[in-house]
Protein backbone atom coordinates (compact mmCIF):
# COMPACT_ATOMS: atom_id res chain seq x y z
CA MET A 1 14.17 -13.93 -62.86
CA SER A 2 14.85 -12.10 -66.10
CA LEU A 3 12.49 -11.87 -69.05
CA PHE A 4 14.91 -14.00 -71.05
CA ASN A 5 14.50 -16.94 -68.67
CA GLU A 6 10.73 -16.47 -68.67
CA SER A 7 10.60 -16.47 -72.46
CA GLN A 8 12.51 -19.74 -72.59
CA LYS A 9 10.03 -21.42 -70.22
CA ASN A 10 6.97 -20.10 -72.01
CA ASN A 11 6.88 -20.00 -75.81
CA ASN A 12 3.98 -17.52 -75.71
CA LEU A 13 6.28 -14.79 -74.43
CA LYS A 14 8.41 -13.22 -77.12
CA LEU A 15 11.68 -11.51 -76.36
CA ASP A 16 11.38 -8.32 -78.39
CA ASP A 17 13.09 -4.91 -78.33
CA ARG A 18 10.53 -3.57 -75.84
CA SER A 19 11.11 -6.44 -73.42
CA ILE A 20 14.87 -6.10 -73.70
CA THR A 21 14.69 -2.34 -73.10
CA PHE A 22 12.52 -2.74 -70.01
CA ASP A 23 14.79 -5.48 -68.68
CA MET A 24 17.77 -3.17 -69.20
CA LEU A 25 15.90 -0.36 -67.43
CA LYS A 26 15.24 -2.64 -64.47
CA ASP A 27 18.92 -3.53 -64.33
CA SER A 28 19.99 0.11 -64.66
CA LYS A 29 17.76 1.08 -61.71
CA PHE A 30 19.39 -1.66 -59.64
CA ASN A 31 22.85 -0.36 -60.65
CA ILE A 32 21.92 3.20 -59.69
CA VAL A 33 20.66 2.13 -56.27
CA THR A 34 23.72 -0.05 -55.66
CA LEU A 35 26.20 2.62 -56.77
CA SER A 36 24.39 5.28 -54.70
CA LYS A 37 24.68 3.13 -51.63
CA ALA A 38 28.33 2.34 -52.37
CA THR A 39 29.32 5.98 -52.82
CA SER A 40 27.61 7.00 -49.59
CA GLU A 41 29.43 4.28 -47.67
CA THR A 42 32.89 4.74 -49.21
CA ILE A 43 35.51 6.58 -47.17
CA ASN A 44 38.42 6.54 -49.64
CA PRO A 45 38.16 9.74 -51.76
CA GLN A 46 39.71 8.15 -54.86
CA LEU A 47 37.37 5.19 -54.73
CA ARG A 48 34.42 7.51 -54.09
CA GLN A 49 35.36 9.47 -57.23
CA ILE A 50 35.45 6.26 -59.30
CA ILE A 51 32.06 5.17 -57.97
CA ASP A 52 30.60 8.66 -58.53
CA THR A 53 31.76 8.53 -62.16
CA GLN A 54 30.15 5.11 -62.59
CA LEU A 55 26.95 6.43 -60.97
CA SER A 56 26.80 9.37 -63.39
CA MET A 57 27.28 7.02 -66.32
CA ALA A 58 24.54 4.69 -65.01
CA ILE A 59 22.12 7.60 -64.63
CA ASN A 60 22.87 8.84 -68.16
CA GLN A 61 22.37 5.34 -69.59
CA SER A 62 19.07 5.04 -67.74
CA HIS A 63 17.93 8.37 -69.18
CA GLU A 64 18.87 7.20 -72.67
CA LEU A 65 16.89 3.98 -72.22
CA CYS A 66 13.89 5.95 -70.95
CA ASP A 67 14.13 8.27 -73.94
CA ILE A 68 14.15 5.26 -76.28
CA ALA A 69 11.10 3.76 -74.54
CA VAL A 70 9.20 7.04 -74.74
CA SER A 71 10.14 7.69 -78.38
CA LYS A 72 8.95 4.20 -79.36
CA ASN A 73 5.70 4.69 -77.40
CA TRP A 74 6.57 1.72 -75.18
CA PHE A 75 6.25 3.95 -72.14
CA GLU A 76 3.62 6.64 -71.89
CA ALA A 77 5.47 9.10 -69.64
CA TYR A 78 2.91 11.87 -69.99
CA GLU A 79 -0.21 9.77 -69.76
CA ASP A 80 -2.70 10.29 -66.93
CA PRO A 81 -1.43 8.38 -63.84
CA GLU A 82 -4.76 6.60 -63.45
CA GLN A 83 -4.55 5.40 -67.06
CA GLN A 84 -0.98 4.23 -66.49
CA LEU A 85 -2.17 2.09 -63.56
CA LYS A 86 -4.98 0.62 -65.67
CA ASP A 87 -2.55 -0.17 -68.49
CA ASP A 88 -0.11 -1.83 -66.07
CA LEU A 89 -2.92 -3.88 -64.57
CA ASN A 90 -4.09 -5.00 -68.03
CA ASP A 91 -0.50 -5.90 -69.01
CA SER A 92 -0.10 -7.92 -65.80
CA LYS A 93 -3.37 -9.78 -66.42
CA ARG A 94 -2.34 -10.50 -70.00
CA ILE A 95 1.00 -11.92 -68.88
CA LEU A 96 -0.58 -14.06 -66.16
CA GLU A 97 -3.18 -15.42 -68.59
CA SER A 98 -0.47 -16.40 -71.07
CA GLU A 99 1.34 -18.58 -68.52
């Protein structure tokens, strides 16, 4: 279920730029995995080239979204891994408590 659907069910959740970016990142990861699988299973060279081009574009878009998240301090890429886990746990608790 997407964040958009969740926000409609629960008025406490706000659909902001951060939420949209992370939802797009989730979708881009799914696209990368799907395109990777497709290119490895495709026999036709022309079709493989088309899928490889789409995969490269998906990876670049994912990098751009990550760069946006890092530049806006929505994602602490260089933070201590232990602190990242604590932050994720706190965010999860906050979301569950708001439901």
